[in-house]
């Protein structure tokens, strides 16, 4: 563990005092620090913050202490940003964001068109957006399923209740029970599936 800094500064025993910056009557433990060069109590720090705040408070004091003879690094200057520069940076960031949005919109349209050309019939006008693509693909799937419509209507006439229809669908499903495979094949052949 490194040696403690500023060992020559005297830290008092903890004492109870009203908590600063609060309207309520709350008392906490404080420690005061006395400068050995000017013999002045220059700060009171809450006891729980003593070890985290002690060195920075002492450094602030010795920069101003008239009796301290050693060289001390001056406090760093605070950087200030001109409002014009800040506004210019904000405008540049907004412009970059607009360009990025345009590029990404173009990429999306190209990707959607490529998907449509791959899955669609290629005769329709260009896709406008994702909703348009979803609409066109669902219409295409619905049209492709149209050849099964007579079978679906026949199943509706055969089944008197939803439970029967559900049971029939589960029997006809290709991942169904292998024990029913002979019956399943016969029904499929009869229905033309």
C-alpha atoms as a PDB file:
ATOM      1  CA  UNK A   1       0.000   0.000   0.000  1.00  0.00           C
ATOM      2  CA  UNK A   2       1.470   3.408  -0.927  1.00  0.00           C
ATOM      3  CA  UNK A   3       2.292   5.807   1.898  1.00  0.00           C
ATOM      4  CA  UNK A   4      -0.427   8.280   2.853  1.00  0.00           C
ATOM      5  CA  UNK A   5      -0.133  11.731   1.303  1.00  0.00           C
ATOM      6  CA  UNK A   6      -0.006  14.924   3.339  1.00  0.00           C
ATOM      7  CA  UNK A   7       0.788  13.261   6.681  1.00  0.00           C
ATOM      8  CA  UNK A   8       1.800  16.595   8.178  1.00  0.00           C
ATOM      9  CA  UNK A   9      -1.804  17.850   8.029  1.00  0.00           C
ATOM     10  CA  UNK A  10      -3.672  17.256  11.298  1.00  0.00           C
ATOM     11  CA  UNK A  11      -7.026  15.458  11.131  1.00  0.00           C
ATOM     12  CA  UNK A  12      -9.234  16.020  14.179  1.00  0.00           C
ATOM     13  CA  UNK A  13     -11.194  13.409  16.076  1.00  0.00           C
ATOM     14  CA  UNK A  14     -14.723  12.906  14.680  1.00  0.00           C
ATOM     15  CA  UNK A  15     -17.356  15.250  16.080  1.00  0.00           C
ATOM     16  CA  UNK A  16     -21.125  15.396  15.575  1.00  0.00           C
ATOM     17  CA  UNK A  17     -22.580  18.307  13.632  1.00  0.00           C
ATOM     18  CA  UNK A  18     -25.715  19.105  11.674  1.00  0.00           C
ATOM     19  CA  UNK A  19     -25.533  17.783   8.148  1.00  0.00           C
ATOM     20  CA  UNK A  20     -24.737  20.550   5.692  1.00  0.00           C
ATOM     21  CA  UNK A  21     -27.022  21.466   2.794  1.00  0.00           C
ATOM     22  CA  UNK A  22     -30.084  19.907   4.407  1.00  0.00           C
ATOM     23  CA  UNK A  23     -33.131  21.447   6.051  1.00  0.00           C
ATOM     24  CA  UNK A  24     -33.710  18.558   8.456  1.00  0.00           C
ATOM     25  CA  UNK A  25     -32.045  18.172  11.830  1.00  0.00           C
ATOM     26  CA  UNK A  26     -29.728  15.307  10.880  1.00  0.00           C
ATOM     27  CA  UNK A  27     -26.422  14.980  12.722  1.00  0.00           C
ATOM     28  CA  UNK A  28     -23.433  13.114  11.287  1.00  0.00           C
ATOM     29  CA  UNK A  29     -19.747  12.698  12.168  1.00  0.00           C
ATOM     30  CA  UNK A  30     -17.309  15.226  10.671  1.00  0.00           C
ATOM     31  CA  UNK A  31     -13.532  15.552  10.817  1.00  0.00           C
ATOM     32  CA  UNK A  32     -11.740  18.864  10.385  1.00  0.00           C
ATOM     33  CA  UNK A  33      -8.295  19.261   8.825  1.00  0.00           C
ATOM     34  CA  UNK A  34      -5.765  21.791  10.111  1.00  0.00           C
ATOM     35  CA  UNK A  35      -2.941  23.170   7.966  1.00  0.00           C
ATOM     36  CA  UNK A  36       0.501  22.939   9.654  1.00  0.00           C
ATOM     37  CA  UNK A  37       1.793  25.915   7.613  1.00  0.00           C
ATOM     38  CA  UNK A  38      -0.857  28.513   8.443  1.00  0.00           C
ATOM     39  CA  UNK A  39      -2.391  26.767  11.541  1.00  0.00           C
ATOM     40  CA  UNK A  40      -5.877  27.200  10.132  1.00  0.00           C
ATOM     41  CA  UNK A  41      -8.795  24.726  10.119  1.00  0.00           C
ATOM     42  CA  UNK A  42      -9.724  24.946   6.467  1.00  0.00           C
ATOM     43  CA  UNK A  43     -12.270  22.171   5.847  1.00  0.00           C
ATOM     44  CA  UNK A  44     -14.783  19.871   7.552  1.00  0.00           C
ATOM     45  CA  UNK A  45     -15.358  16.550   5.790  1.00  0.00           C
ATOM     46  CA  UNK A  46     -17.934  13.865   6.706  1.00  0.00           C
ATOM     47  CA  UNK A  47     -16.107  10.982   8.375  1.00  0.00           C
ATOM     48  CA  UNK A  48     -17.293   8.411   5.803  1.00  0.00           C
ATOM     49  CA  UNK A  49     -15.829  10.566   2.972  1.00  0.00           C
ATOM     50  CA  UNK A  50     -12.576  11.476   4.727  1.00  0.00           C
ATOM     51  CA  UNK A  51     -10.277   9.071   2.904  1.00  0.00           C
ATOM     52  CA  UNK A  52     -11.736   9.787  -0.521  1.00  0.00           C
ATOM     53  CA  UNK A  53     -11.861  13.606  -0.201  1.00  0.00           C
ATOM     54  CA  UNK A  54      -8.899  14.416   2.061  1.00  0.00           C
ATOM     55  CA  UNK A  55      -6.102  14.747  -0.518  1.00  0.00           C
ATOM     56  CA  UNK A  56      -8.066  16.830  -3.032  1.00  0.00           C
ATOM     57  CA  UNK A  57      -9.239  19.258  -0.291  1.00  0.00           C
ATOM     58  CA  UNK A  58      -5.677  19.626   1.004  1.00  0.00           C
ATOM     59  CA  UNK A  59      -4.358  20.218  -2.515  1.00  0.00           C
ATOM     60  CA  UNK A  60      -6.975  22.936  -3.050  1.00  0.00           C
ATOM     61  CA  UNK A  61      -5.858  24.580   0.200  1.00  0.00           C
ATOM     62  CA  UNK A  62      -2.088  24.482  -0.418  1.00  0.00           C
ATOM     63  CA  UNK A  63      -2.552  26.101  -3.823  1.00  0.00           C
ATOM     64  CA  UNK A  64      -3.919  29.118  -1.942  1.00  0.00           C
ATOM     65  CA  UNK A  65      -1.941  28.877   1.328  1.00  0.00           C
ATOM     66  CA  UNK A  66       0.470  31.847   1.621  1.00  0.00           C
ATOM     67  CA  UNK A  67       2.881  29.997   3.983  1.00  0.00           C
ATOM     68  CA  UNK A  68       3.350  26.862   1.838  1.00  0.00           C
ATOM     69  CA  UNK A  69       6.793  27.166   0.179  1.00  0.00           C
ATOM     70  CA  UNK A  70       6.997  24.033  -2.015  1.00  0.00           C
ATOM     71  CA  UNK A  71       6.078  24.107  -5.684  1.00  0.00           C
ATOM     72  CA  UNK A  72       2.551  22.945  -6.453  1.00  0.00           C
ATOM     73  CA  UNK A  73       1.143  22.150  -9.827  1.00  0.00           C
ATOM     74  CA  UNK A  74      -1.479  24.699 -10.746  1.00  0.00           C
ATOM     75  CA  UNK A  75      -5.055  23.524 -11.190  1.00  0.00           C
ATOM     76  CA  UNK A  76      -5.781  22.513 -14.772  1.00  0.00           C
ATOM     77  CA  UNK A  77      -7.725  25.050 -16.755  1.00  0.00           C
ATOM     78  CA  UNK A  78     -11.277  24.155 -17.588  1.00  0.00           C
ATOM     79  CA  UNK A  79     -11.841  23.712 -21.263  1.00  0.00           C
ATOM     80  CA  UNK A  80     -14.654  25.743 -22.699  1.00  0.00           C
ATOM     81  CA  UNK A  81     -16.339  25.076 -25.992  1.00  0.00           C
ATOM     82  CA  UNK A  82     -17.634  27.950 -28.058  1.00  0.00           C
ATOM     83  CA  UNK A  83     -21.372  27.683 -28.745  1.00  0.00           C
ATOM     84  CA  UNK A  84     -20.806  28.272 -32.477  1.00  0.00           C
ATOM     85  CA  UNK A  85     -18.450  25.294 -32.614  1.00  0.00           C
ATOM     86  CA  UNK A  86     -20.952  23.199 -30.695  1.00  0.00           C
ATOM     87  CA  UNK A  87     -23.806  24.158 -33.056  1.00  0.00           C
ATOM     88  CA  UNK A  88     -21.635  23.436 -36.085  1.00  0.00           C
ATOM     89  CA  UNK A  89     -20.788  19.963 -34.737  1.00  0.00           C
ATOM     90  CA  UNK A  90     -24.478  19.277 -34.092  1.00  0.00           C
ATOM     91  CA  UNK A  91     -25.402  20.306 -37.652  1.00  0.00           C
ATOM     92  CA  UNK A  92     -22.658  18.098 -39.102  1.00  0.00           C
ATOM     93  CA  UNK A  93     -23.903  15.153 -37.021  1.00  0.00           C
ATOM     94  CA  UNK A  94     -27.488  15.735 -38.221  1.00  0.00           C
ATOM     95  CA  UNK A  95     -26.336  15.862 -41.861  1.00  0.00           C
ATOM     96  CA  UNK A  96     -24.394  12.601 -41.460  1.00  0.00           C
ATOM     97  CA  UNK A  97     -27.456  11.001 -39.885  1.00  0.00           C
ATOM     98  CA  UNK A  98     -29.683  12.119 -42.789  1.00  0.00           C
ATOM     99  CA  UNK A  99     -27.224  10.689 -45.335  1.00  0.00           C
ATOM    100  CA  UNK A 100     -27.045   7.433 -43.407  1.00  0.00           C
ATOM    101  CA  UNK A 101     -30.849   7.177 -43.337  1.00  0.00           C
ATOM    102  CA  UNK A 102     -31.045   7.745 -47.099  1.00  0.00           C
ATOM    103  CA  UNK A 103     -28.397   5.092 -47.773  1.00  0.00           C
ATOM    104  CA  UNK A 104     -30.071   2.564 -45.497  1.00  0.00           C
ATOM    105  CA  UNK A 105     -33.482   3.219 -47.097  1.00  0.00           C
ATOM    106  CA  UNK A 106     -31.992   2.603 -50.559  1.00  0.00           C
ATOM    107  CA  UNK A 107     -30.331  -0.605 -49.341  1.00  0.00           C
ATOM    108  CA  UNK A 108     -33.623  -1.793 -47.836  1.00  0.00           C
ATOM    109  CA  UNK A 109     -35.538  -1.153 -51.061  1.00  0.00           C
ATOM    110  CA  UNK A 110     -32.897  -3.026 -53.070  1.00  0.00           C
ATOM    111  CA  UNK A 111     -32.983  -5.952 -50.641  1.00  0.00           C
ATOM    112  CA  UNK A 112     -36.785  -6.086 -50.690  1.00  0.00           C
ATOM    113  CA  UNK A 113     -36.822  -5.975 -54.486  1.00  0.00           C
ATOM    114  CA  UNK A 114     -34.253  -8.785 -54.630  1.00  0.00           C
ATOM    115  CA  UNK A 115     -36.401 -10.880 -52.289  1.00  0.00           C
ATOM    116  CA  UNK A 116     -39.458 -10.243 -54.412  1.00  0.00           C
ATOM    117  CA  UNK A 117     -37.640 -11.091 -57.630  1.00  0.00           C
ATOM    118  CA  UNK A 118     -36.444 -14.295 -56.008  1.00  0.00           C
ATOM    119  CA  UNK A 119     -39.849 -15.310 -54.606  1.00  0.00           C
ATOM    120  CA  UNK A 120     -42.292 -13.355 -56.754  1.00  0.00           C
ATOM    121  CA  UNK A 121     -43.221 -13.589 -60.388  1.00  0.00           C
ATOM    122  CA  UNK A 122     -41.137 -10.507 -61.317  1.00  0.00           C
ATOM    123  CA  UNK A 123     -44.041  -8.838 -63.193  1.00  0.00           C
ATOM    124  CA  UNK A 124     -45.251  -6.494 -60.485  1.00  0.00           C
ATOM    125  CA  UNK A 125     -44.089  -2.918 -59.930  1.00  0.00           C
ATOM    126  CA  UNK A 126     -41.220  -2.300 -57.479  1.00  0.00           C
ATOM    127  CA  UNK A 127     -41.873  -2.873 -53.797  1.00  0.00           C
ATOM    128  CA  UNK A 128     -42.441   0.296 -51.799  1.00  0.00           C
ATOM    129  CA  UNK A 129     -41.773  -0.939 -48.258  1.00  0.00           C
ATOM    130  CA  UNK A 130     -41.787  -3.943 -45.930  1.00  0.00           C
ATOM    131  CA  UNK A 131     -45.582  -3.921 -45.569  1.00  0.00           C
ATOM    132  CA  UNK A 132     -45.987  -4.039 -49.347  1.00  0.00           C
ATOM    133  CA  UNK A 133     -43.606  -7.007 -49.535  1.00  0.00           C
ATOM    134  CA  UNK A 134     -45.463  -8.881 -46.774  1.00  0.00           C
ATOM    135  CA  UNK A 135     -48.787  -8.227 -48.490  1.00  0.00           C
ATOM    136  CA  UNK A 136     -47.560  -9.491 -51.861  1.00  0.00           C
ATOM    137  CA  UNK A 137     -45.962 -12.617 -50.381  1.00  0.00           C
ATOM    138  CA  UNK A 138     -49.101 -13.500 -48.402  1.00  0.00           C
ATOM    139  CA  UNK A 139     -51.236 -13.100 -51.553  1.00  0.00           C
ATOM    140  CA  UNK A 140     -48.836 -15.357 -53.435  1.00  0.00           C
ATOM    141  CA  UNK A 141     -48.943 -18.029 -50.697  1.00  0.00           C
ATOM    142  CA  UNK A 142     -52.739 -17.821 -50.638  1.00  0.00           C
ATOM    143  CA  UNK A 143     -52.888 -18.307 -54.419  1.00  0.00           C
ATOM    144  CA  UNK A 144     -50.520 -21.282 -54.204  1.00  0.00           C
ATOM    145  CA  UNK A 145     -52.718 -22.871 -51.538  1.00  0.00           C
ATOM    146  CA  UNK A 146     -55.751 -22.489 -53.784  1.00  0.00           C
ATOM    147  CA  UNK A 147     -55.237 -25.939 -55.316  1.00  0.00           C
ATOM    148  CA  UNK A 148     -55.977 -27.480 -51.886  1.00  0.00           C
ATOM    149  CA  UNK A 149     -59.269 -25.582 -51.502  1.00  0.00           C
ATOM    150  CA  UNK A 150     -61.544 -28.451 -52.658  1.00  0.00           C
ATOM    151  CA  UNK A 151     -59.878 -30.796 -50.172  1.00  0.00           C
ATOM    152  CA  UNK A 152     -60.316 -28.288 -47.352  1.00  0.00           C
ATOM    153  CA  UNK A 153     -64.000 -27.856 -48.256  1.00  0.00           C
ATOM    154  CA  UNK A 154     -64.473 -31.638 -48.293  1.00  0.00           C
ATOM    155  CA  UNK A 155     -62.873 -31.928 -44.850  1.00  0.00           C
ATOM    156  CA  UNK A 156     -65.228 -29.229 -43.523  1.00  0.00           C
ATOM    157  CA  UNK A 157     -68.249 -31.205 -44.801  1.00  0.00           C
ATOM    158  CA  UNK A 158     -66.959 -34.488 -43.325  1.00  0.00           C
ATOM    159  CA  UNK A 159     -66.222 -33.121 -39.845  1.00  0.00           C
ATOM    160  CA  UNK A 160     -69.262 -32.166 -37.795  1.00  0.00           C
ATOM    161  CA  UNK A 161     -67.313 -30.337 -35.030  1.00  0.00           C
ATOM    162  CA  UNK A 162     -64.041 -28.487 -34.534  1.00  0.00           C
ATOM    163  CA  UNK A 163     -62.793 -31.374 -32.410  1.00  0.00           C
ATOM    164  CA  UNK A 164     -63.288 -33.859 -35.244  1.00  0.00           C
ATOM    165  CA  UNK A 165     -61.534 -31.495 -37.678  1.00  0.00           C
ATOM    166  CA  UNK A 166     -58.629 -31.153 -35.301  1.00  0.00           C
ATOM    167  CA  UNK A 167     -58.352 -34.921 -34.887  1.00  0.00           C
ATOM    168  CA  UNK A 168     -58.463 -35.433 -38.657  1.00  0.00           C
ATOM    169  CA  UNK A 169     -55.779 -32.804 -39.216  1.00  0.00           C
ATOM    170  CA  UNK A 170     -53.534 -34.457 -36.622  1.00  0.00           C
ATOM    171  CA  UNK A 171     -54.018 -37.861 -38.259  1.00  0.00           C
ATOM    172  CA  UNK A 172     -53.282 -36.448 -41.702  1.00  0.00           C
ATOM    173  CA  UNK A 173     -50.210 -34.537 -40.546  1.00  0.00           C
ATOM    174  CA  UNK A 174     -46.987 -36.081 -41.955  1.00  0.00           C
ATOM    175  CA  UNK A 175     -45.321 -36.009 -38.518  1.00  0.00           C
ATOM    176  CA  UNK A 176     -48.231 -37.934 -37.019  1.00  0.00           C
ATOM    177  CA  UNK A 177     -48.254 -41.310 -35.303  1.00  0.00           C
ATOM    178  CA  UNK A 178     -46.427 -44.016 -37.271  1.00  0.00           C
ATOM    179  CA  UNK A 179     -48.968 -46.615 -36.097  1.00  0.00           C
ATOM    180  CA  UNK A 180     -51.568 -44.950 -38.322  1.00  0.00           C
ATOM    181  CA  UNK A 181     -49.221 -44.826 -41.323  1.00  0.00           C
ATOM    182  CA  UNK A 182     -51.151 -47.409 -43.401  1.00  0.00           C
ATOM    183  CA  UNK A 183     -54.476 -45.664 -42.737  1.00  0.00           C
ATOM    184  CA  UNK A 184     -52.826 -42.308 -43.315  1.00  0.00           C
ATOM    185  CA  UNK A 185     -51.431 -43.383 -46.685  1.00  0.00           C
ATOM    186  CA  UNK A 186     -54.827 -44.707 -47.727  1.00  0.00           C
ATOM    187  CA  UNK A 187     -56.614 -41.474 -46.746  1.00  0.00           C
ATOM    188  CA  UNK A 188     -53.963 -39.351 -48.418  1.00  0.00           C
ATOM    189  CA  UNK A 189     -54.242 -41.331 -51.626  1.00  0.00           C
ATOM    190  CA  UNK A 190     -58.024 -41.077 -51.559  1.00  0.00           C
ATOM    191  CA  UNK A 191     -57.887 -37.329 -51.019  1.00  0.00           C
ATOM    192  CA  UNK A 192     -55.106 -36.866 -53.536  1.00  0.00           C
ATOM    193  CA  UNK A 193     -52.573 -35.464 -51.040  1.00  0.00           C
END
